[in-house]
C-alpha atoms as a PDB file:
ATOM      1  CA  MET A   1      91.218 211.632 200.698  1.00  0.00           C
ATOM      2  CA  LYS A   2      93.643 212.341 197.890  1.00  0.00           C
ATOM      3  CA  LYS A   3      93.287 216.088 198.488  1.00  0.00           C
ATOM      4  CA  ASN A   4      94.444 215.755 202.125  1.00  0.00           C
ATOM      5  CA  THR A   5      97.505 213.781 201.080  1.00  0.00           C
ATOM      6  CA  SER A   6      98.504 216.483 198.595  1.00  0.00           C
ATOM      7  CA  ILE A   7      98.325 219.110 201.340  1.00  0.00           C
ATOM      8  CA  PHE A   8     100.739 217.077 203.426  1.00  0.00           C
ATOM      9  CA  TYR A   9     102.933 216.615 200.385  1.00  0.00           C
ATOM     10  CA  TYR A  10     103.308 220.370 199.818  1.00  0.00           C
ATOM     11  CA  GLU A  11     103.983 221.027 203.485  1.00  0.00           C
ATOM     12  CA  ARG A  12     106.607 218.310 203.590  1.00  0.00           C
ATOM     13  CA  ILE A  13     108.232 219.663 200.439  1.00  0.00           C
ATOM     14  CA  THR A  14     108.273 223.166 201.951  1.00  0.00           C
ATOM     15  CA  ASN A  15     109.847 221.868 205.171  1.00  0.00           C
ATOM     16  CA  VAL A  16     112.449 219.895 203.207  1.00  0.00           C
ATOM     17  CA  MET A  17     113.258 222.913 201.014  1.00  0.00           C
ATOM     18  CA  GLU A  18     113.736 225.123 204.056  1.00  0.00           C
ATOM     19  CA  ILE A  19     116.017 222.553 205.719  1.00  0.00           C
ATOM     20  CA  VAL A  20     118.058 222.264 202.522  1.00  0.00           C
ATOM     21  CA  GLY A  21     118.239 226.061 202.393  1.00  0.00           C
ATOM     22  CA  VAL A  22     119.535 226.180 205.971  1.00  0.00           C
ATOM     23  CA  CYS A  23     122.109 223.500 205.103  1.00  0.00           C
ATOM     24  CA  ILE A  24     123.264 225.592 202.135  1.00  0.00           C
ATOM     25  CA  VAL A  25     123.586 228.663 204.370  1.00  0.00           C
ATOM     26  CA  LEU A  26     125.676 226.734 206.911  1.00  0.00           C
ATOM     27  CA  LEU A  27     127.832 225.110 204.229  1.00  0.00           C
ATOM     28  CA  PHE A  28     128.418 228.537 202.668  1.00  0.00           C
ATOM     29  CA  ALA A  29     129.478 229.846 206.093  1.00  0.00           C
ATOM     30  CA  PHE A  30     131.999 226.996 206.302  1.00  0.00           C
ATOM     31  CA  LEU A  31     133.177 227.800 202.773  1.00  0.00           C
ATOM     32  CA  MET A  32     133.848 231.391 203.830  1.00  0.00           C
ATOM     33  CA  GLN A  33     135.586 230.168 206.990  1.00  0.00           C
ATOM     34  CA  PHE A  34     137.878 227.538 205.522  1.00  0.00           C
ATOM     35  CA  VAL A  35     138.397 228.535 201.885  1.00  0.00           C
ATOM     36  CA  PHE A  36     138.455 232.319 202.229  1.00  0.00           C
ATOM     37  CA  LYS A  37     139.961 232.262 205.762  1.00  0.00           C
ATOM     38  CA  GLU A  38     137.259 234.460 207.308  1.00  0.00           C
ATOM     39  CA  LEU A  39     136.858 233.291 210.876  1.00  0.00           C
ATOM     40  CA  PRO A  40     133.372 233.772 212.327  1.00  0.00           C
ATOM     41  CA  CYS A  41     132.907 236.308 215.083  1.00  0.00           C
ATOM     42  CA  PRO A  42     130.829 235.513 218.200  1.00  0.00           C
ATOM     43  CA  LEU A  43     127.704 237.027 216.615  1.00  0.00           C
ATOM     44  CA  CYS A  44     128.304 234.933 213.484  1.00  0.00           C
ATOM     45  CA  LEU A  45     128.486 231.818 215.663  1.00  0.00           C
ATOM     46  CA  LEU A  46     125.183 232.747 217.315  1.00  0.00           C
ATOM     47  CA  GLN A  47     123.593 233.106 213.879  1.00  0.00           C
ATOM     48  CA  ARG A  48     124.864 229.642 212.953  1.00  0.00           C
ATOM     49  CA  PHE A  49     123.294 228.307 216.144  1.00  0.00           C
ATOM     50  CA  GLY A  50     120.020 229.996 215.190  1.00  0.00           C
ATOM     51  CA  PHE A  51     120.037 228.340 211.772  1.00  0.00           C
ATOM     52  CA  LEU A  52     120.718 224.940 213.342  1.00  0.00           C
ATOM     53  CA  ALA A  53     117.752 225.469 215.682  1.00  0.00           C
ATOM     54  CA  ILE A  54     115.546 226.501 212.732  1.00  0.00           C
ATOM     55  CA  ALA A  55     116.367 223.244 210.979  1.00  0.00           C
ATOM     56  CA  PHE A  56     115.777 221.292 214.209  1.00  0.00           C
ATOM     57  CA  GLY A  57     112.166 222.495 214.439  1.00  0.00           C
ATOM     58  CA  LEU A  58     111.532 221.629 210.806  1.00  0.00           C
ATOM     59  CA  LEU A  59     113.115 218.194 211.221  1.00  0.00           C
ATOM     60  CA  LEU A  60     110.798 217.518 214.154  1.00  0.00           C
ATOM     61  CA  ASN A  61     107.868 218.144 211.792  1.00  0.00           C
ATOM     62  CA  LEU A  62     109.168 215.642 209.277  1.00  0.00           C
ATOM     63  CA  ARG A  63     109.975 212.989 211.866  1.00  0.00           C
ATOM     64  CA  PHE A  64     107.102 213.253 214.372  1.00  0.00           C
ATOM     65  CA  GLY A  65     104.372 214.943 212.343  1.00  0.00           C
ATOM     66  CA  PHE A  66     103.307 218.530 211.922  1.00  0.00           C
ATOM     67  CA  ARG A  67     102.694 220.293 215.207  1.00  0.00           C
ATOM     68  CA  PRO A  68     102.416 223.949 216.148  1.00  0.00           C
ATOM     69  CA  SER A  69     105.077 223.383 218.835  1.00  0.00           C
ATOM     70  CA  HIS A  70     107.602 222.366 216.151  1.00  0.00           C
ATOM     71  CA  TYR A  71     106.787 225.439 214.104  1.00  0.00           C
ATOM     72  CA  SER A  72     107.108 227.474 217.309  1.00  0.00           C
ATOM     73  CA  ILE A  73     110.691 226.250 217.770  1.00  0.00           C
ATOM     74  CA  THR A  74     111.431 227.259 214.193  1.00  0.00           C
ATOM     75  CA  LEU A  75     109.786 230.675 214.544  1.00  0.00           C
ATOM     76  CA  LEU A  76     111.543 231.508 217.812  1.00  0.00           C
ATOM     77  CA  SER A  77     114.861 230.375 216.317  1.00  0.00           C
ATOM     78  CA  ALA A  78     114.329 232.539 213.232  1.00  0.00           C
ATOM     79  CA  ILE A  79     113.437 235.531 215.421  1.00  0.00           C
ATOM     80  CA  PHE A  80     116.570 234.914 217.509  1.00  0.00           C
ATOM     81  CA  THR A  81     118.703 234.679 214.346  1.00  0.00           C
ATOM     82  CA  GLY A  82     117.160 237.854 212.972  1.00  0.00           C
ATOM     83  CA  PHE A  83     117.813 239.806 216.177  1.00  0.00           C
ATOM     84  CA  VAL A  84     121.428 238.656 216.328  1.00  0.00           C
ATOM     85  CA  ALA A  85     121.881 239.641 212.674  1.00  0.00           C
ATOM     86  CA  MET A  86     120.281 243.043 213.343  1.00  0.00           C
ATOM     87  CA  ARG A  87     122.672 243.555 216.254  1.00  0.00           C
ATOM     88  CA  GLN A  88     125.612 242.861 213.979  1.00  0.00           C
ATOM     89  CA  ILE A  89     124.231 245.139 211.274  1.00  0.00           C
ATOM     90  CA  ALA A  90     123.795 247.883 213.883  1.00  0.00           C
ATOM     91  CA  LEU A  91     127.469 247.537 214.860  1.00  0.00           C
ATOM     92  CA  HIS A  92     128.590 248.188 211.292  1.00  0.00           C
ATOM     93  CA  VAL A  93     126.001 250.656 210.015  1.00  0.00           C
ATOM     94  CA  ILE A  94     127.786 253.746 211.334  1.00  0.00           C
ATOM     95  CA  PRO A  95     130.125 255.237 208.722  1.00  0.00           C
ATOM     96  CA  GLY A  96     133.764 254.571 209.450  1.00  0.00           C
ATOM     97  CA  THR A  97     133.190 251.450 211.556  1.00  0.00           C
ATOM     98  CA  GLY A  98     133.952 249.111 208.687  1.00  0.00           C
ATOM     99  CA  ALA A  99     132.332 245.761 208.080  1.00  0.00           C
ATOM    100  CA  TYR A 100     133.023 242.208 209.118  1.00  0.00           C
ATOM    101  CA  GLY A 101     133.857 239.770 206.338  1.00  0.00           C
ATOM    102  CA  SER A 102     133.444 239.953 202.597  1.00  0.00           C
ATOM    103  CA  ALA A 103     130.349 241.136 200.797  1.00  0.00           C
ATOM    104  CA  ILE A 104     128.411 238.636 198.699  1.00  0.00           C
ATOM    105  CA  LEU A 105     126.320 240.250 195.956  1.00  0.00           C
ATOM    106  CA  GLY A 106     126.839 243.558 197.728  1.00  0.00           C
ATOM    107  CA  LEU A 107     125.643 242.392 201.152  1.00  0.00           C
ATOM    108  CA  HIS A 108     127.580 240.925 204.068  1.00  0.00           C
ATOM    109  CA  LEU A 109     126.715 237.525 205.507  1.00  0.00           C
ATOM    110  CA  TYR A 110     124.992 239.028 208.553  1.00  0.00           C
ATOM    111  CA  THR A 111     122.690 241.023 206.258  1.00  0.00           C
ATOM    112  CA  TRP A 112     121.901 237.875 204.288  1.00  0.00           C
ATOM    113  CA  SER A 113     121.263 236.146 207.594  1.00  0.00           C
ATOM    114  CA  LEU A 114     118.635 238.740 208.506  1.00  0.00           C
ATOM    115  CA  ILE A 115     116.968 238.477 205.087  1.00  0.00           C
ATOM    116  CA  ILE A 116     116.830 234.672 205.272  1.00  0.00           C
ATOM    117  CA  ALA A 117     115.522 234.746 208.861  1.00  0.00           C
ATOM    118  CA  VAL A 118     112.703 237.123 207.844  1.00  0.00           C
ATOM    119  CA  LEU A 119     111.811 234.919 204.858  1.00  0.00           C
ATOM    120  CA  ILE A 120     111.676 231.881 207.150  1.00  0.00           C
ATOM    121  CA  ILE A 121     109.460 233.770 209.620  1.00  0.00           C
ATOM    122  CA  ILE A 122     107.041 234.653 206.807  1.00  0.00           C
ATOM    123  CA  SER A 123     107.054 231.119 205.404  1.00  0.00           C
ATOM    124  CA  ILE A 124     106.492 229.435 208.761  1.00  0.00           C
ATOM    125  CA  SER A 125     103.758 231.925 209.669  1.00  0.00           C
ATOM    126  CA  ILE A 126     101.910 230.921 206.503  1.00  0.00           C
ATOM    127  CA  LEU A 127     102.452 227.199 207.143  1.00  0.00           C
ATOM    128  CA  LEU A 128     101.182 227.569 210.713  1.00  0.00           C
ATOM    129  CA  GLY A 129      97.825 228.685 209.321  1.00  0.00           C
ATOM    130  CA  VAL A 130      97.186 225.446 207.422  1.00  0.00           C
ATOM    131  CA  ASP A 131      95.011 223.642 209.974  1.00  0.00           C
ATOM    132  CA  ARG A 132      94.483 220.346 208.148  1.00  0.00           C
ATOM    133  CA  GLN A 133      98.094 219.327 208.662  1.00  0.00           C
ATOM    134  CA  TYR A 134      97.458 218.959 212.398  1.00  0.00           C
ATOM    135  CA  LEU A 135      94.224 216.956 212.164  1.00  0.00           C
ATOM    136  CA  GLU A 136      95.129 213.904 210.133  1.00  0.00           C
ATOM    137  CA  LYS A 137      98.095 211.635 209.781  1.00  0.00           C
ATOM    138  CA  ALA A 138      99.798 211.605 206.416  1.00  0.00           C
ATOM    139  CA  HIS A 139     100.816 208.334 204.854  1.00  0.00           C
ATOM    140  CA  LYS A 140     104.560 207.954 205.210  1.00  0.00           C
ATOM    141  CA  LYS A 141     106.335 206.472 202.249  1.00  0.00           C
ATOM    142  CA  LYS A 142     109.707 204.776 202.447  1.00  0.00           C
ATOM    143  CA  ALA A 143     111.289 207.437 200.214  1.00  0.00           C
ATOM    144  CA  TRP A 144     110.276 210.175 202.702  1.00  0.00           C
ATOM    145  CA  GLU A 145     111.848 208.208 205.535  1.00  0.00           C
ATOM    146  CA  TYR A 146     115.137 208.055 203.620  1.00  0.00           C
ATOM    147  CA  ILE A 147     115.002 211.786 202.919  1.00  0.00           C
ATOM    148  CA  VAL A 148     114.315 212.560 206.583  1.00  0.00           C
ATOM    149  CA  HIS A 149     117.162 210.285 207.727  1.00  0.00           C
ATOM    150  CA  ALA A 150     119.526 211.897 205.227  1.00  0.00           C
ATOM    151  CA  LEU A 151     118.555 215.385 206.399  1.00  0.00           C
ATOM    152  CA  PHE A 152     119.040 214.348 210.029  1.00  0.00           C
ATOM    153  CA  ALA A 153     122.491 212.976 209.160  1.00  0.00           C
ATOM    154  CA  VAL A 154     123.478 216.202 207.383  1.00  0.00           C
ATOM    155  CA  MET A 155     122.270 218.327 210.301  1.00  0.00           C
ATOM    156  CA  VAL A 156     124.111 216.159 212.835  1.00  0.00           C
ATOM    157  CA  PHE A 157     127.268 216.523 210.733  1.00  0.00           C
ATOM    158  CA  LEU A 158     126.843 220.312 210.517  1.00  0.00           C
ATOM    159  CA  THR A 159     126.197 220.552 214.260  1.00  0.00           C
ATOM    160  CA  VAL A 160     129.281 218.515 215.130  1.00  0.00           C
ATOM    161  CA  ALA A 161     131.368 220.441 212.586  1.00  0.00           C
ATOM    162  CA  ASN A 162     130.251 223.729 214.169  1.00  0.00           C
ATOM    163  CA  ILE A 163     131.096 222.516 217.660  1.00  0.00           C
ATOM    164  CA  VAL A 164     134.559 221.324 216.588  1.00  0.00           C
ATOM    165  CA  SER A 165     135.161 224.547 214.664  1.00  0.00           C
ATOM    166  CA  ILE A 166     134.194 226.654 217.690  1.00  0.00           C
ATOM    167  CA  ILE A 167     136.475 224.656 219.980  1.00  0.00           C
ATOM    168  CA  PHE A 168     139.412 225.106 217.602  1.00  0.00           C
ATOM    169  CA  GLU A 169     138.658 228.803 217.119  1.00  0.00           C
ATOM    170  CA  CYS A 170     137.911 229.777 220.717  1.00  0.00           C
ATOM    171  CA  GLY A 171     139.250 226.974 222.854  1.00  0.00           C
ATOM    172  CA  PHE A 172     137.260 226.658 226.053  1.00  0.00           C
ATOM    173  CA  LYS A 173     137.147 230.393 226.716  1.00  0.00           C
ATOM    174  CA  GLN A 174     135.094 233.264 225.412  1.00  0.00           C
ATOM    175  CA  CYS A 175     135.642 233.809 221.692  1.00  0.00           C
ATOM    176  CA  PRO A 176     137.565 236.945 220.727  1.00  0.00           C
ATOM    177  CA  ASP A 177     135.505 239.766 219.203  1.00  0.00           C
ATOM    178  CA  ASN A 178     137.604 239.810 216.051  1.00  0.00           C
ATOM    179  CA  PRO A 179     139.273 236.392 215.711  1.00  0.00           C
ATOM    180  CA  THR A 180     142.419 236.224 213.591  1.00  0.00           C
ATOM    181  CA  HIS A 181     143.526 232.628 214.129  1.00  0.00           C
ATOM    182  CA  TYR A 182     142.489 229.319 215.644  1.00  0.00           C
ATOM    183  CA  ILE A 183     143.485 229.380 219.314  1.00  0.00           C
ATOM    184  CA  LEU A 184     143.921 225.615 219.695  1.00  0.00           C
ATOM    185  CA  TYR A 185     145.759 225.295 216.396  1.00  0.00           C
ATOM    186  CA  TYR A 186     148.475 227.795 217.396  1.00  0.00           C
ATOM    187  CA  ARG A 187     149.091 226.352 220.868  1.00  0.00           C
END
């Protein structure tokens, strides 16, 4: 019985680590937006949405138990994020077209977004293959409940912050392709 519990423990830890990683990605995007004054383009906003959806699927696992449908939400969200990032890379790969935003460690945020999405796809594909997680219920400890609640709170905050940021940047219209200022702020 102890062996089954340890399997659940590693899967929970992996889900928590991936959620924390997504939170770091989103917080870094906000850092670039507010500290370095690099407003996100529409494709950047779609990538943020994809990361929020990735975390949502993982949070469902932690709250309601491990299910293939939760992993499916995460996988589809990671594929969506990867395709949006590839679209943005394709826009800037032609010489002379320039790039959008600053480079971090030699790569732009949309390239990092693609790399992270692919890593999440690989990780979730491996986790999907662990059948025992779907058969038995893991014992929930109070500490795990606090961690899950804290992660939910952080993700709700990041979701609301993204919505407010988008409203200030774009108003209630289509976002400009290359935003230079907050539309609602300058009205």
